[in-house]
Structure formats: C-alpha cells, structure tokens
Amino acid sequence: MSAQDEMDFNSGMMAFEAKHFSRAMQILSPIAEKGNTDAMHRCAIMYQNGLGVAVNQQAAFNWMQKAAEQGHELAQHGLGFMYMEGDCAEQNGELAVKWFTAAAEQGLQGSQTTLAMMYQQGIAGIQKDPEKAKEWYSKAGFSPEET
C-alpha cells in the first residue's frame, strides 16, 4: 500500500470508528477495490447494515466473501454468520461451519465459540455433536464446567 493509501486507510478507519459512515465508505471503498481486506470487511459491514449507504445485501456479501477468501479472519467470521443466519446469503449450515472453522483455526475465539454452540445445539441444520462442541469450547478457553 502506498503512503497515500495508508494515510487514506487510516483516515477511513477513523471515520468508521467515529460513526461517520458515509465519509468512511467514500474513503474505504477505493482502498477495498485495490485489495485491502480490512477495507473490504468494513465496506461489507456498512452495506449489510445500511451505515452511510443504502442496505445492499449483494454488495455486503461480495465484499465479505472477497475478504474472507483472502484469509481475513473477521470477514470469515462475518461470512459464517451470513450463512448461519441467512443474512445476505441463503442459509447454509455447512458453509457457515466452513467459514467459522477457517476463522477459528486462525485463533478467533468468537468463531470457536460459535462452532461449539452450533454443534451443541444443532444450529442451521448442523448435526448435534457433543464431542465437537466440547472440543471447540476447549479451544475457545472454556472449561468443561462452563459449557
């Protein structure tokens, strides 16, 4: 990333954090187009929730998927939720597990916990599997008494 892109990215992230979403989208969208996965992830969130732009489920899904496919763990987690909830994508438990697992294997505790709950409760059509649930809870740092 060029020095100018880096400054723009930081400015866009500050606008996002300050909830100046239309400004954040204006700054981050071109950076996402250049391949920055953090910018892609933030654009997906803004499109998904109508923050500074009209809700656009297809754009939200596309940006989330692009960032997830490039290994961005928060985007992998977000894509997992899209598939689990049927939000911006057709509900698909197997794809939800795929993306939560990708993020969980990078150490994202939220994905580890979500996988454990999916296996414990049989969420999104996933077969209940107490052993897998226990394994993911353990990886997330929960002791057996807490689950």
C-alpha atoms as a PDB file:
ATOM      1  CA  MET A   1       0.000   0.000   0.000  1.00  0.00           C
ATOM      2  CA  SER A   2       1.360   3.415  -0.948  1.00  0.00           C
ATOM      3  CA  ALA A   3       1.956   6.045   1.723  1.00  0.00           C
ATOM      4  CA  GLN A   4      -1.080   7.984   0.438  1.00  0.00           C
ATOM      5  CA  ASP A   5      -3.262   4.856   0.540  1.00  0.00           C
ATOM      6  CA  GLU A   6      -2.024   4.175   4.075  1.00  0.00           C
ATOM      7  CA  MET A   7      -2.981   7.703   5.161  1.00  0.00           C
ATOM      8  CA  ASP A   8      -6.355   7.394   3.434  1.00  0.00           C
ATOM      9  CA  PHE A   9      -6.943   3.980   5.018  1.00  0.00           C
ATOM     10  CA  ASN A  10      -6.199   5.350   8.492  1.00  0.00           C
ATOM     11  CA  SER A  11      -8.475   8.313   7.804  1.00  0.00           C
ATOM     12  CA  GLY A  12     -11.245   5.980   6.616  1.00  0.00           C
ATOM     13  CA  MET A  13     -10.900   3.761   9.681  1.00  0.00           C
ATOM     14  CA  MET A  14     -11.040   6.805  11.963  1.00  0.00           C
ATOM     15  CA  ALA A  15     -14.214   7.955  10.175  1.00  0.00           C
ATOM     16  CA  PHE A  16     -15.700   4.461  10.625  1.00  0.00           C
ATOM     17  CA  GLU A  17     -14.860   4.371  14.326  1.00  0.00           C
ATOM     18  CA  ALA A  18     -16.308   7.880  14.754  1.00  0.00           C
ATOM     19  CA  LYS A  19     -19.516   6.630  13.066  1.00  0.00           C
ATOM     20  CA  HIS A  20     -19.061   8.980  10.098  1.00  0.00           C
ATOM     21  CA  PHE A  21     -20.068   6.136   7.828  1.00  0.00           C
ATOM     22  CA  SER A  22     -20.730   7.972   4.562  1.00  0.00           C
ATOM     23  CA  ARG A  23     -17.249   9.517   4.789  1.00  0.00           C
ATOM     24  CA  ALA A  24     -15.767   6.133   5.743  1.00  0.00           C
ATOM     25  CA  MET A  25     -17.390   4.487   2.700  1.00  0.00           C
ATOM     26  CA  GLN A  26     -16.157   7.260   0.428  1.00  0.00           C
ATOM     27  CA  ILE A  27     -12.580   6.750   1.644  1.00  0.00           C
ATOM     28  CA  LEU A  28     -12.500   2.974   2.173  1.00  0.00           C
ATOM     29  CA  SER A  29     -14.301   1.842  -0.989  1.00  0.00           C
ATOM     30  CA  PRO A  30     -11.440   2.733  -3.377  1.00  0.00           C
ATOM     31  CA  ILE A  31      -8.958   1.120  -0.971  1.00  0.00           C
ATOM     32  CA  ALA A  32     -11.104  -2.033  -0.891  1.00  0.00           C
ATOM     33  CA  GLU A  33     -11.092  -2.005  -4.706  1.00  0.00           C
ATOM     34  CA  LYS A  34      -7.285  -2.056  -4.536  1.00  0.00           C
ATOM     35  CA  GLY A  35      -7.414  -5.264  -2.466  1.00  0.00           C
ATOM     36  CA  ASN A  36      -7.186  -4.158   1.171  1.00  0.00           C
ATOM     37  CA  THR A  37      -9.081  -6.817   3.132  1.00  0.00           C
ATOM     38  CA  ASP A  38      -9.667  -4.596   6.198  1.00  0.00           C
ATOM     39  CA  ALA A  39     -11.334  -2.021   3.933  1.00  0.00           C
ATOM     40  CA  MET A  40     -13.341  -4.784   2.228  1.00  0.00           C
ATOM     41  CA  HIS A  41     -14.570  -6.025   5.609  1.00  0.00           C
ATOM     42  CA  ARG A  42     -15.637  -2.543   6.740  1.00  0.00           C
ATOM     43  CA  CYS A  43     -17.403  -1.870   3.412  1.00  0.00           C
ATOM     44  CA  ALA A  44     -19.277  -5.162   3.825  1.00  0.00           C
ATOM     45  CA  ILE A  45     -20.425  -4.150   7.310  1.00  0.00           C
ATOM     46  CA  MET A  46     -21.604  -0.750   6.069  1.00  0.00           C
ATOM     47  CA  TYR A  47     -23.533  -2.255   3.143  1.00  0.00           C
ATOM     48  CA  GLN A  48     -25.010  -5.006   5.331  1.00  0.00           C
ATOM     49  CA  ASN A  49     -26.306  -2.586   7.956  1.00  0.00           C
ATOM     50  CA  GLY A  50     -27.046   0.483   5.835  1.00  0.00           C
ATOM     51  CA  LEU A  51     -24.377   2.573   7.544  1.00  0.00           C
ATOM     52  CA  GLY A  52     -23.738   5.659   5.418  1.00  0.00           C
ATOM     53  CA  VAL A  53     -25.176   3.881   2.376  1.00  0.00           C
ATOM     54  CA  ALA A  54     -28.389   2.121   1.455  1.00  0.00           C
ATOM     55  CA  VAL A  55     -28.545  -1.514   2.551  1.00  0.00           C
ATOM     56  CA  ASN A  56     -27.138  -3.620  -0.277  1.00  0.00           C
ATOM     57  CA  GLN A  57     -27.070  -7.308   0.649  1.00  0.00           C
ATOM     58  CA  GLN A  58     -25.319  -8.373  -2.555  1.00  0.00           C
ATOM     59  CA  ALA A  59     -22.517  -5.818  -2.122  1.00  0.00           C
ATOM     60  CA  ALA A  60     -22.208  -6.774   1.563  1.00  0.00           C
ATOM     61  CA  PHE A  61     -21.910 -10.449   0.658  1.00  0.00           C
ATOM     62  CA  ASN A  62     -19.453  -9.794  -2.175  1.00  0.00           C
ATOM     63  CA  TRP A  63     -17.093  -7.706  -0.034  1.00  0.00           C
ATOM     64  CA  MET A  64     -17.321 -10.101   2.907  1.00  0.00           C
ATOM     65  CA  GLN A  65     -16.610 -13.081   0.652  1.00  0.00           C
ATOM     66  CA  LYS A  66     -13.657 -11.394  -1.080  1.00  0.00           C
ATOM     67  CA  ALA A  67     -12.032 -10.531   2.235  1.00  0.00           C
ATOM     68  CA  ALA A  68     -12.793 -13.994   3.692  1.00  0.00           C
ATOM     69  CA  GLU A  69     -11.295 -15.765   0.688  1.00  0.00           C
ATOM     70  CA  GLN A  70      -8.095 -13.771   1.215  1.00  0.00           C
ATOM     71  CA  GLY A  71      -7.814 -15.009   4.802  1.00  0.00           C
ATOM     72  CA  HIS A  72      -9.275 -12.070   6.760  1.00  0.00           C
ATOM     73  CA  GLU A  73     -10.455 -13.839   9.926  1.00  0.00           C
ATOM     74  CA  LEU A  74     -13.125 -11.287  10.901  1.00  0.00           C
ATOM     75  CA  ALA A  75     -14.557 -11.471   7.375  1.00  0.00           C
ATOM     76  CA  GLN A  76     -14.508 -15.279   7.579  1.00  0.00           C
ATOM     77  CA  HIS A  77     -16.448 -14.975  10.838  1.00  0.00           C
ATOM     78  CA  GLY A  78     -18.846 -12.475   9.255  1.00  0.00           C
ATOM     79  CA  LEU A  79     -19.397 -14.712   6.235  1.00  0.00           C
ATOM     80  CA  GLY A  80     -20.056 -17.620   8.592  1.00  0.00           C
ATOM     81  CA  PHE A  81     -22.784 -15.567  10.270  1.00  0.00           C
ATOM     82  CA  MET A  82     -24.281 -14.609   6.919  1.00  0.00           C
ATOM     83  CA  TYR A  83     -24.625 -18.299   6.074  1.00  0.00           C
ATOM     84  CA  MET A  84     -25.747 -19.321   9.568  1.00  0.00           C
ATOM     85  CA  GLU A  85     -28.441 -16.643   9.817  1.00  0.00           C
ATOM     86  CA  GLY A  86     -29.437 -16.488   6.145  1.00  0.00           C
ATOM     87  CA  ASP A  87     -28.488 -12.793   6.130  1.00  0.00           C
ATOM     88  CA  CYS A  88     -27.219 -11.566   2.733  1.00  0.00           C
ATOM     89  CA  ALA A  89     -26.924 -15.229   1.675  1.00  0.00           C
ATOM     90  CA  GLU A  90     -29.135 -18.280   1.655  1.00  0.00           C
ATOM     91  CA  GLN A  91     -28.882 -20.117   4.977  1.00  0.00           C
ATOM     92  CA  ASN A  92     -26.348 -22.914   4.668  1.00  0.00           C
ATOM     93  CA  GLY A  93     -25.047 -24.581   7.828  1.00  0.00           C
ATOM     94  CA  GLU A  94     -22.234 -26.397   6.041  1.00  0.00           C
ATOM     95  CA  LEU A  95     -20.838 -23.171   4.571  1.00  0.00           C
ATOM     96  CA  ALA A  96     -21.282 -21.456   7.930  1.00  0.00           C
ATOM     97  CA  VAL A  97     -19.169 -24.187   9.554  1.00  0.00           C
ATOM     98  CA  LYS A  98     -16.580 -23.893   6.758  1.00  0.00           C
ATOM     99  CA  TRP A  99     -16.065 -20.167   7.329  1.00  0.00           C
ATOM    100  CA  PHE A 100     -16.296 -20.263  11.129  1.00  0.00           C
ATOM    101  CA  THR A 101     -13.710 -23.055  11.066  1.00  0.00           C
ATOM    102  CA  ALA A 102     -11.373 -21.009   8.863  1.00  0.00           C
ATOM    103  CA  ALA A 103     -11.544 -18.127  11.352  1.00  0.00           C
ATOM    104  CA  ALA A 104     -11.395 -20.438  14.381  1.00  0.00           C
ATOM    105  CA  GLU A 105      -8.242 -22.080  13.068  1.00  0.00           C
ATOM    106  CA  GLN A 106      -6.666 -18.617  12.985  1.00  0.00           C
ATOM    107  CA  GLY A 107      -7.471 -18.357  16.704  1.00  0.00           C
ATOM    108  CA  LEU A 108     -10.612 -16.225  16.567  1.00  0.00           C
ATOM    109  CA  GLN A 109     -12.310 -17.089  19.855  1.00  0.00           C
ATOM    110  CA  GLY A 110     -15.736 -15.875  18.715  1.00  0.00           C
ATOM    111  CA  SER A 111     -15.682 -18.365  15.839  1.00  0.00           C
ATOM    112  CA  GLN A 112     -14.522 -21.168  18.119  1.00  0.00           C
ATOM    113  CA  THR A 113     -17.399 -20.435  20.494  1.00  0.00           C
ATOM    114  CA  THR A 114     -19.938 -20.152  17.670  1.00  0.00           C
ATOM    115  CA  LEU A 115     -18.833 -23.509  16.267  1.00  0.00           C
ATOM    116  CA  ALA A 116     -19.193 -25.056  19.707  1.00  0.00           C
ATOM    117  CA  MET A 117     -22.733 -23.684  20.021  1.00  0.00           C
ATOM    118  CA  MET A 118     -23.645 -24.868  16.524  1.00  0.00           C
ATOM    119  CA  TYR A 119     -22.521 -28.397  17.368  1.00  0.00           C
ATOM    120  CA  GLN A 120     -24.062 -28.297  20.850  1.00  0.00           C
ATOM    121  CA  GLN A 121     -27.467 -27.047  19.714  1.00  0.00           C
ATOM    122  CA  GLY A 122     -27.679 -28.257  16.117  1.00  0.00           C
ATOM    123  CA  ILE A 123     -27.944 -24.718  14.714  1.00  0.00           C
ATOM    124  CA  ALA A 124     -28.604 -24.117  10.980  1.00  0.00           C
ATOM    125  CA  GLY A 125     -29.248 -27.785  10.309  1.00  0.00           C
ATOM    126  CA  ILE A 126     -25.866 -28.910  11.641  1.00  0.00           C
ATOM    127  CA  GLN A 127     -25.967 -32.350  13.254  1.00  0.00           C
ATOM    128  CA  LYS A 128     -25.561 -32.134  17.027  1.00  0.00           C
ATOM    129  CA  ASP A 129     -22.141 -33.404  18.028  1.00  0.00           C
ATOM    130  CA  PRO A 130     -21.343 -33.060  21.753  1.00  0.00           C
ATOM    131  CA  GLU A 131     -17.729 -34.133  21.257  1.00  0.00           C
ATOM    132  CA  LYS A 132     -17.065 -31.487  18.601  1.00  0.00           C
ATOM    133  CA  ALA A 133     -18.861 -28.918  20.758  1.00  0.00           C
ATOM    134  CA  LYS A 134     -16.645 -29.813  23.714  1.00  0.00           C
ATOM    135  CA  GLU A 135     -13.519 -29.655  21.517  1.00  0.00           C
ATOM    136  CA  TRP A 136     -14.370 -26.156  20.222  1.00  0.00           C
ATOM    137  CA  TYR A 137     -15.341 -24.872  23.676  1.00  0.00           C
ATOM    138  CA  SER A 138     -11.982 -26.129  24.935  1.00  0.00           C
ATOM    139  CA  LYS A 139     -10.124 -24.365  22.095  1.00  0.00           C
ATOM    140  CA  ALA A 140     -12.040 -21.193  22.953  1.00  0.00           C
ATOM    141  CA  GLY A 141     -10.731 -21.429  26.507  1.00  0.00           C
ATOM    142  CA  PHE A 142     -13.827 -22.675  28.333  1.00  0.00           C
ATOM    143  CA  SER A 143     -13.514 -25.371  30.930  1.00  0.00           C
ATOM    144  CA  PRO A 144     -15.952 -28.319  30.830  1.00  0.00           C
ATOM    145  CA  GLU A 145     -17.848 -26.932  33.844  1.00  0.00           C
ATOM    146  CA  GLU A 146     -18.599 -23.684  31.942  1.00  0.00           C
ATOM    147  CA  THR A 147     -20.161 -25.413  28.953  1.00  0.00           C
END
